[in-house]
Amino acid sequence: MSAADTLEHLVKMANQIGSFFESMQDHEKALSDIATHLKRYWDPRMRRALLEHVAKDGGTDLRPMVLEAVKKHEAMLTPAKAVSSQ
């Protein structure tokens, strides 16, 4: 799978998550729940790729609520830096 295919798949999955939470009446809770889901269930490399996509390309292919959640909760979604064991 190419990098473009992988990114397209991540965007599709993020948008599916967003469509589930869009029905919530509490917008702020929905944003938090989207970010929490991504943090809890996505591998750090997946989150990093999504964050880089938003930073580099604007994430215009993401549902508006997903894009808002990623931007608002960027700190939570940013994977911790690996610690060297030297």
PDB file of N, CA and C in Angstrom:
ATOM      1  N   MET A   1       0.855  -1.173   0.000  1.00  0.00           N
ATOM      2  CA  MET A   1       0.000   0.000   0.000  1.00  0.00           C
ATOM      3  C   MET A   1       0.901   1.235   0.000  1.00  0.00           C
ATOM      4  N   SER A   2       0.637   2.167  -0.901  1.00  0.00           N
ATOM      5  CA  SER A   2       1.443   3.383  -0.985  1.00  0.00           C
ATOM      6  C   SER A   2       1.085   4.339   0.148  1.00  0.00           C
ATOM      7  N   ALA A   3       1.942   5.339   0.349  1.00  0.00           N
ATOM      8  CA  ALA A   3       1.687   6.337   1.394  1.00  0.00           C
ATOM      9  C   ALA A   3       0.373   7.073   1.134  1.00  0.00           C
ATOM     10  N   ALA A   4       0.100   7.359  -0.134  1.00  0.00           N
ATOM     11  CA  ALA A   4      -1.151   8.047  -0.479  1.00  0.00           C
ATOM     12  C   ALA A   4      -2.359   7.172  -0.161  1.00  0.00           C
ATOM     13  N   ASP A   5      -2.245   5.878  -0.463  1.00  0.00           N
ATOM     14  CA  ASP A   5      -3.343   4.956  -0.147  1.00  0.00           C
ATOM     15  C   ASP A   5      -3.554   4.854   1.355  1.00  0.00           C
ATOM     16  N   THR A   6      -2.451   4.796   2.089  1.00  0.00           N
ATOM     17  CA  THR A   6      -2.536   4.713   3.546  1.00  0.00           C
ATOM     18  C   THR A   6      -3.215   5.952   4.110  1.00  0.00           C
ATOM     19  N   LEU A   7      -2.806   7.130   3.638  1.00  0.00           N
ATOM     20  CA  LEU A   7      -3.410   8.371   4.111  1.00  0.00           C
ATOM     21  C   LEU A   7      -4.889   8.419   3.753  1.00  0.00           C
ATOM     22  N   GLU A   8      -5.219   8.010   2.547  1.00  0.00           N
ATOM     23  CA  GLU A   8      -6.626   7.987   2.133  1.00  0.00           C
ATOM     24  C   GLU A   8      -7.445   7.081   3.054  1.00  0.00           C
ATOM     25  N   HIS A   9      -6.872   5.958   3.428  1.00  0.00           N
ATOM     26  CA  HIS A   9      -7.554   5.023   4.331  1.00  0.00           C
ATOM     27  C   HIS A   9      -7.726   5.644   5.725  1.00  0.00           C
ATOM     28  N   LEU A  10      -6.695   6.328   6.222  1.00  0.00           N
ATOM     29  CA  LEU A  10      -6.790   6.984   7.533  1.00  0.00           C
ATOM     30  C   LEU A  10      -7.875   8.057   7.526  1.00  0.00           C
ATOM     31  N   VAL A  11      -7.918   8.839   6.462  1.00  0.00           N
ATOM     32  CA  VAL A  11      -8.937   9.889   6.342  1.00  0.00           C
ATOM     33  C   VAL A  11     -10.330   9.261   6.321  1.00  0.00           C
ATOM     34  N   LYS A  12     -10.477   8.178   5.570  1.00  0.00           N
ATOM     35  CA  LYS A  12     -11.777   7.500   5.504  1.00  0.00           C
ATOM     36  C   LYS A  12     -12.199   7.010   6.887  1.00  0.00           C
ATOM     37  N   MET A  13     -11.268   6.384   7.609  1.00  0.00           N
ATOM     38  CA  MET A  13     -11.596   5.884   8.954  1.00  0.00           C
ATOM     39  C   MET A  13     -11.926   7.035   9.902  1.00  0.00           C
ATOM     40  N   ALA A  14     -11.142   8.110   9.855  1.00  0.00           N
ATOM     41  CA  ALA A  14     -11.402   9.264  10.723  1.00  0.00           C
ATOM     42  C   ALA A  14     -12.779   9.849  10.423  1.00  0.00           C
ATOM     43  N   ASN A  15     -13.130   9.929   9.151  1.00  0.00           N
ATOM     44  CA  ASN A  15     -14.439  10.462   8.774  1.00  0.00           C
ATOM     45  C   ASN A  15     -15.575   9.552   9.234  1.00  0.00           C
ATOM     46  N   GLN A  16     -15.358   8.248   9.217  1.00  0.00           N
ATOM     47  CA  GLN A  16     -16.377   7.325   9.730  1.00  0.00           C
ATOM     48  C   GLN A  16     -16.577   7.531  11.233  1.00  0.00           C
ATOM     49  N   ILE A  17     -15.485   7.716  11.950  1.00  0.00           N
ATOM     50  CA  ILE A  17     -15.574   7.993  13.388  1.00  0.00           C
ATOM     51  C   ILE A  17     -16.341   9.293  13.602  1.00  0.00           C
ATOM     52  N   GLY A  18     -15.990  10.306  12.832  1.00  0.00           N
ATOM     53  CA  GLY A  18     -16.665  11.593  12.944  1.00  0.00           C
ATOM     54  C   GLY A  18     -18.149  11.507  12.662  1.00  0.00           C
ATOM     55  N   SER A  19     -18.528  10.733  11.660  1.00  0.00           N
ATOM     56  CA  SER A  19     -19.956  10.629  11.328  1.00  0.00           C
ATOM     57  C   SER A  19     -20.741   9.998  12.471  1.00  0.00           C
ATOM     58  N   PHE A  20     -20.112   9.099  13.210  1.00  0.00           N
ATOM     59  CA  PHE A  20     -20.775   8.496  14.367  1.00  0.00           C
ATOM     60  C   PHE A  20     -21.034   9.551  15.444  1.00  0.00           C
ATOM     61  N   PHE A  21     -20.037  10.371  15.736  1.00  0.00           N
ATOM     62  CA  PHE A  21     -20.155  11.337  16.828  1.00  0.00           C
ATOM     63  C   PHE A  21     -20.911  12.611  16.442  1.00  0.00           C
ATOM     64  N   GLU A  22     -21.127  12.852  15.153  1.00  0.00           N
ATOM     65  CA  GLU A  22     -21.837  14.058  14.722  1.00  0.00           C
ATOM     66  C   GLU A  22     -23.263  14.134  15.239  1.00  0.00           C
ATOM     67  N   SER A  23     -23.847  13.005  15.572  1.00  0.00           N
ATOM     68  CA  SER A  23     -25.237  13.010  16.037  1.00  0.00           C
ATOM     69  C   SER A  23     -25.370  13.456  17.497  1.00  0.00           C
ATOM     70  N   MET A  24     -24.257  13.591  18.189  1.00  0.00           N
ATOM     71  CA  MET A  24     -24.313  14.018  19.595  1.00  0.00           C
ATOM     72  C   MET A  24     -24.791  15.462  19.676  1.00  0.00           C
ATOM     73  N   GLN A  25     -25.619  15.748  20.658  1.00  0.00           N
ATOM     74  CA  GLN A  25     -26.131  17.106  20.815  1.00  0.00           C
ATOM     75  C   GLN A  25     -25.083  18.048  21.401  1.00  0.00           C
ATOM     76  N   ASP A  26     -24.201  17.533  22.230  1.00  0.00           N
ATOM     77  CA  ASP A  26     -23.159  18.346  22.855  1.00  0.00           C
ATOM     78  C   ASP A  26     -21.932  18.364  21.938  1.00  0.00           C
ATOM     79  N   HIS A  27     -21.765  19.469  21.219  1.00  0.00           N
ATOM     80  CA  HIS A  27     -20.697  19.588  20.225  1.00  0.00           C
ATOM     81  C   HIS A  27     -19.314  19.411  20.852  1.00  0.00           C
ATOM     82  N   GLU A  28     -19.073  20.078  21.970  1.00  0.00           N
ATOM     83  CA  GLU A  28     -17.762  19.990  22.626  1.00  0.00           C
ATOM     84  C   GLU A  28     -17.459  18.566  23.086  1.00  0.00           C
ATOM     85  N   LYS A  29     -18.464  17.866  23.588  1.00  0.00           N
ATOM     86  CA  LYS A  29     -18.287  16.473  24.013  1.00  0.00           C
ATOM     87  C   LYS A  29     -17.983  15.599  22.804  1.00  0.00           C
ATOM     88  N   ALA A  30     -18.642  15.878  21.691  1.00  0.00           N
ATOM     89  CA  ALA A  30     -18.382  15.117  20.466  1.00  0.00           C
ATOM     90  C   ALA A  30     -16.936  15.303  20.013  1.00  0.00           C
ATOM     91  N   LEU A  31     -16.444  16.538  20.054  1.00  0.00           N
ATOM     92  CA  LEU A  31     -15.049  16.796  19.676  1.00  0.00           C
ATOM     93  C   LEU A  31     -14.097  16.032  20.583  1.00  0.00           C
ATOM     94  N   SER A  32     -14.366  16.090  21.864  1.00  0.00           N
ATOM     95  CA  SER A  32     -13.539  15.378  22.837  1.00  0.00           C
ATOM     96  C   SER A  32     -13.596  13.870  22.615  1.00  0.00           C
ATOM     97  N   ASP A  33     -14.776  13.353  22.334  1.00  0.00           N
ATOM     98  CA  ASP A  33     -14.938  11.911  22.129  1.00  0.00           C
ATOM     99  C   ASP A  33     -14.236  11.434  20.855  1.00  0.00           C
ATOM    100  N   ILE A  34     -14.252  12.244  19.813  1.00  0.00           N
ATOM    101  CA  ILE A  34     -13.523  11.892  18.589  1.00  0.00           C
ATOM    102  C   ILE A  34     -12.035  11.780  18.899  1.00  0.00           C
ATOM    103  N   ALA A  35     -11.502  12.799  19.560  1.00  0.00           N
ATOM    104  CA  ALA A  35     -10.075  12.799  19.892  1.00  0.00           C
ATOM    105  C   ALA A  35      -9.721  11.646  20.826  1.00  0.00           C
ATOM    106  N   THR A  36     -10.571  11.389  21.795  1.00  0.00           N
ATOM    107  CA  THR A  36     -10.324  10.288  22.732  1.00  0.00           C
ATOM    108  C   THR A  36     -10.317   8.952  21.995  1.00  0.00           C
ATOM    109  N   HIS A  37     -11.237   8.776  21.071  1.00  0.00           N
ATOM    110  CA  HIS A  37     -11.277   7.538  20.289  1.00  0.00           C
ATOM    111  C   HIS A  37      -9.981   7.375  19.491  1.00  0.00           C
ATOM    112  N   LEU A  38      -9.553   8.438  18.825  1.00  0.00           N
ATOM    113  CA  LEU A  38      -8.314   8.364  18.048  1.00  0.00           C
ATOM    114  C   LEU A  38      -7.120   8.063  18.944  1.00  0.00           C
ATOM    115  N   LYS A  39      -7.056   8.689  20.082  1.00  0.00           N
ATOM    116  CA  LYS A  39      -5.947   8.468  21.023  1.00  0.00           C
ATOM    117  C   LYS A  39      -5.950   7.028  21.536  1.00  0.00           C
ATOM    118  N   ARG A  40      -7.110   6.537  21.875  1.00  0.00           N
ATOM    119  CA  ARG A  40      -7.228   5.221  22.505  1.00  0.00           C
ATOM    120  C   ARG A  40      -7.017   4.071  21.516  1.00  0.00           C
ATOM    121  N   TYR A  41      -7.535   4.205  20.306  1.00  0.00           N
ATOM    122  CA  TYR A  41      -7.579   3.064  19.395  1.00  0.00           C
ATOM    123  C   TYR A  41      -6.638   3.147  18.190  1.00  0.00           C
ATOM    124  N   TRP A  42      -6.075   4.301  17.934  1.00  0.00           N
ATOM    125  CA  TRP A  42      -5.174   4.424  16.794  1.00  0.00           C
ATOM    126  C   TRP A  42      -3.730   4.313  17.253  1.00  0.00           C
ATOM    127  N   ASP A  43      -2.944   3.587  16.486  1.00  0.00           N
ATOM    128  CA  ASP A  43      -1.509   3.486  16.706  1.00  0.00           C
ATOM    129  C   ASP A  43      -0.893   4.893  16.615  1.00  0.00           C
ATOM    130  N   PRO A  44       0.139   5.173  17.406  1.00  0.00           N
ATOM    131  CA  PRO A  44       0.773   6.497  17.342  1.00  0.00           C
ATOM    132  C   PRO A  44       1.201   6.901  15.927  1.00  0.00           C
ATOM    133  N   ARG A  45       1.642   5.953  15.118  1.00  0.00           N
ATOM    134  CA  ARG A  45       2.040   6.283  13.737  1.00  0.00           C
ATOM    135  C   ARG A  45       0.847   6.753  12.917  1.00  0.00           C
ATOM    136  N   MET A  46      -0.319   6.188  13.178  1.00  0.00           N
ATOM    137  CA  MET A  46      -1.527   6.606  12.469  1.00  0.00           C
ATOM    138  C   MET A  46      -1.904   8.029  12.876  1.00  0.00           C
ATOM    139  N   ARG A  47      -1.851   8.303  14.181  1.00  0.00           N
ATOM    140  CA  ARG A  47      -2.172   9.655  14.659  1.00  0.00           C
ATOM    141  C   ARG A  47      -1.174  10.667  14.112  1.00  0.00           C
ATOM    142  N   ARG A  48       0.103  10.309  14.106  1.00  0.00           N
ATOM    143  CA  ARG A  48       1.133  11.209  13.592  1.00  0.00           C
ATOM    144  C   ARG A  48       0.871  11.526  12.117  1.00  0.00           C
ATOM    145  N   ALA A  49       0.532  10.515  11.335  1.00  0.00           N
ATOM    146  CA  ALA A  49       0.250  10.724   9.911  1.00  0.00           C
ATOM    147  C   ALA A  49      -0.952  11.644   9.719  1.00  0.00           C
ATOM    148  N   LEU A  50      -1.982  11.471  10.529  1.00  0.00           N
ATOM    149  CA  LEU A  50      -3.164  12.325  10.428  1.00  0.00           C
ATOM    150  C   LEU A  50      -2.824  13.764  10.811  1.00  0.00           C
ATOM    151  N   LEU A  51      -2.076  13.940  11.883  1.00  0.00           N
ATOM    152  CA  LEU A  51      -1.671  15.283  12.308  1.00  0.00           C
ATOM    153  C   LEU A  51      -0.796  15.956  11.250  1.00  0.00           C
ATOM    154  N   GLU A  52       0.127  15.212  10.662  1.00  0.00           N
ATOM    155  CA  GLU A  52       0.981  15.767   9.608  1.00  0.00           C
ATOM    156  C   GLU A  52       0.152  16.158   8.394  1.00  0.00           C
ATOM    157  N   HIS A  53      -0.842  15.362   8.066  1.00  0.00           N
ATOM    158  CA  HIS A  53      -1.733  15.665   6.942  1.00  0.00           C
ATOM    159  C   HIS A  53      -2.475  16.978   7.191  1.00  0.00           C
ATOM    160  N   VAL A  54      -2.980  17.155   8.385  1.00  0.00           N
ATOM    161  CA  VAL A  54      -3.699  18.391   8.717  1.00  0.00           C
ATOM    162  C   VAL A  54      -2.742  19.582   8.666  1.00  0.00           C
ATOM    163  N   ALA A  55      -1.539  19.426   9.217  1.00  0.00           N
ATOM    164  CA  ALA A  55      -0.571  20.525   9.242  1.00  0.00           C
ATOM    165  C   ALA A  55      -0.087  20.883   7.835  1.00  0.00           C
ATOM    166  N   LYS A  56       0.161  19.876   7.029  1.00  0.00           N
ATOM    167  CA  LYS A  56       0.754  20.093   5.707  1.00  0.00           C
ATOM    168  C   LYS A  56      -0.280  20.433   4.643  1.00  0.00           C
ATOM    169  N   ASP A  57      -1.389  19.712   4.639  1.00  0.00           N
ATOM    170  CA  ASP A  57      -2.374  19.840   3.564  1.00  0.00           C
ATOM    171  C   ASP A  57      -3.687  20.484   3.995  1.00  0.00           C
ATOM    172  N   GLY A  58      -3.809  20.806   5.268  1.00  0.00           N
ATOM    173  CA  GLY A  58      -5.017  21.459   5.752  1.00  0.00           C
ATOM    174  C   GLY A  58      -6.142  20.522   6.149  1.00  0.00           C
ATOM    175  N   GLY A  59      -6.034  19.252   5.776  1.00  0.00           N
ATOM    176  CA  GLY A  59      -7.060  18.290   6.167  1.00  0.00           C
ATOM    177  C   GLY A  59      -8.428  18.575   5.586  1.00  0.00           C
ATOM    178  N   THR A  60      -8.466  19.202   4.415  1.00  0.00           N
ATOM    179  CA  THR A  60      -9.752  19.593   3.834  1.00  0.00           C
ATOM    180  C   THR A  60     -10.611  18.398   3.422  1.00  0.00           C
ATOM    181  N   ASP A  61     -10.008  17.209   3.350  1.00  0.00           N
ATOM    182  CA  ASP A  61     -10.781  16.016   3.013  1.00  0.00           C
ATOM    183  C   ASP A  61     -11.403  15.361   4.247  1.00  0.00           C
ATOM    184  N   LEU A  62     -11.153  15.942   5.413  1.00  0.00           N
ATOM    185  CA  LEU A  62     -11.766  15.455   6.652  1.00  0.00           C
ATOM    186  C   LEU A  62     -13.118  16.123   6.858  1.00  0.00           C
ATOM    187  N   ARG A  63     -14.035  15.414   7.490  1.00  0.00           N
ATOM    188  CA  ARG A  63     -15.312  16.023   7.868  1.00  0.00           C
ATOM    189  C   ARG A  63     -14.996  17.212   8.782  1.00  0.00           C
ATOM    190  N   PRO A  64     -15.767  18.284   8.693  1.00  0.00           N
ATOM    191  CA  PRO A  64     -15.473  19.468   9.499  1.00  0.00           C
ATOM    192  C   PRO A  64     -15.322  19.174  10.993  1.00  0.00           C
ATOM    193  N   MET A  65     -16.159  18.303  11.532  1.00  0.00           N
ATOM    194  CA  MET A  65     -16.074  18.008  12.962  1.00  0.00           C
ATOM    195  C   MET A  65     -14.783  17.261  13.295  1.00  0.00           C
ATOM    196  N   VAL A  66     -14.342  16.385  12.415  1.00  0.00           N
ATOM    197  CA  VAL A  66     -13.089  15.653  12.642  1.00  0.00           C
ATOM    198  C   VAL A  66     -11.919  16.628  12.602  1.00  0.00           C
ATOM    199  N   LEU A  67     -11.907  17.492  11.609  1.00  0.00           N
ATOM    200  CA  LEU A  67     -10.837  18.479  11.494  1.00  0.00           C
ATOM    201  C   LEU A  67     -10.792  19.371  12.733  1.00  0.00           C
ATOM    202  N   GLU A  68     -11.949  19.813  13.182  1.00  0.00           N
ATOM    203  CA  GLU A  68     -12.020  20.643  14.387  1.00  0.00           C
ATOM    204  C   GLU A  68     -11.501  19.883  15.606  1.00  0.00           C
ATOM    205  N   ALA A  69     -11.875  18.626  15.734  1.00  0.00           N
ATOM    206  CA  ALA A  69     -11.425  17.811  16.873  1.00  0.00           C
ATOM    207  C   ALA A  69      -9.915  17.623  16.850  1.00  0.00           C
ATOM    208  N   VAL A  70      -9.369  17.346  15.675  1.00  0.00           N
ATOM    209  CA  VAL A  70      -7.921  17.132  15.550  1.00  0.00           C
ATOM    210  C   VAL A  70      -7.170  18.412  15.905  1.00  0.00           C
ATOM    211  N   LYS A  71      -7.639  19.544  15.411  1.00  0.00           N
ATOM    212  CA  LYS A  71      -6.972  20.818  15.710  1.00  0.00           C
ATOM    213  C   LYS A  71      -7.100  21.178  17.185  1.00  0.00           C
ATOM    214  N   LYS A  72      -8.287  21.022  17.734  1.00  0.00           N
ATOM    215  CA  LYS A  72      -8.530  21.410  19.124  1.00  0.00           C
ATOM    216  C   LYS A  72      -7.776  20.524  20.109  1.00  0.00           C
ATOM    217  N   HIS A  73      -7.640  19.248  19.782  1.00  0.00           N
ATOM    218  CA  HIS A  73      -7.028  18.285  20.705  1.00  0.00           C
ATOM    219  C   HIS A  73      -5.687  17.767  20.181  1.00  0.00           C
ATOM    220  N   GLU A  74      -4.990  18.618  19.454  1.00  0.00           N
ATOM    221  CA  GLU A  74      -3.702  18.230  18.864  1.00  0.00           C
ATOM    222  C   GLU A  74      -2.715  17.738  19.916  1.00  0.00           C
ATOM    223  N   ALA A  75      -2.651  18.418  21.043  1.00  0.00           N
ATOM    224  CA  ALA A  75      -1.701  18.018  22.094  1.00  0.00           C
ATOM    225  C   ALA A  75      -1.997  16.606  22.591  1.00  0.00           C
ATOM    226  N   MET A  76      -3.259  16.278  22.774  1.00  0.00           N
ATOM    227  CA  MET A  76      -3.633  14.941  23.240  1.00  0.00           C
ATOM    228  C   MET A  76      -3.293  13.884  22.188  1.00  0.00           C
ATOM    229  N   LEU A  77      -3.452  14.234  20.924  1.00  0.00           N
ATOM    230  CA  LEU A  77      -3.259  13.268  19.845  1.00  0.00           C
ATOM    231  C   LEU A  77      -1.800  13.083  19.443  1.00  0.00           C
ATOM    232  N   THR A  78      -0.956  14.036  19.807  1.00  0.00           N
ATOM    233  CA  THR A  78       0.454  13.955  19.432  1.00  0.00           C
ATOM    234  C   THR A  78       1.136  12.848  20.216  1.00  0.00           C
ATOM    235  N   PRO A  79       1.703  11.873  19.499  1.00  0.00           N
ATOM    236  CA  PRO A  79       2.380  10.769  20.193  1.00  0.00           C
ATOM    237  C   PRO A  79       3.594  11.264  20.974  1.00  0.00           C
ATOM    238  N   ALA A  80       3.853  10.608  22.087  1.00  0.00           N
ATOM    239  CA  ALA A  80       5.030  10.938  22.888  1.00  0.00           C
ATOM    240  C   ALA A  80       6.276  10.579  22.092  1.00  0.00           C
ATOM    241  N   LYS A  81       7.309  11.353  22.289  1.00  0.00           N
ATOM    242  CA  LYS A  81       8.577  11.060  21.625  1.00  0.00           C
ATOM    243  C   LYS A  81       9.183   9.809  22.236  1.00  0.00           C
ATOM    244  N   ALA A  82       9.781   8.999  21.393  1.00  0.00           N
ATOM    245  CA  ALA A  82      10.446   7.782  21.870  1.00  0.00           C
ATOM    246  C   ALA A  82      11.658   8.167  22.712  1.00  0.00           C
ATOM    247  N   VAL A  83      11.858   7.455  23.789  1.00  0.00           N
ATOM    248  CA  VAL A  83      12.986   7.710  24.679  1.00  0.00           C
ATOM    249  C   VAL A  83      14.090   6.724  24.338  1.00  0.00           C
ATOM    250  N   SER A  84      15.275   7.251  24.128  1.00  0.00           N
ATOM    251  CA  SER A  84      16.421   6.405  23.812  1.00  0.00           C
ATOM    252  C   SER A  84      16.844   5.626  25.051  1.00  0.00           C
ATOM    253  N   SER A  85      17.240   4.376  24.864  1.00  0.00           N
ATOM    254  CA  SER A  85      17.636   3.539  26.001  1.00  0.00           C
ATOM    255  C   SER A  85      19.152   3.467  26.148  1.00  0.00           C
ATOM    256  N   GLN A  86      19.852   4.509  25.756  1.00  0.00           N
ATOM    257  CA  GLN A  86      21.318   4.517  25.854  1.00  0.00           C
ATOM    258  C   GLN A  86      21.776   4.827  27.233  1.00  0.00           C
TER     259      GLN A  86
END
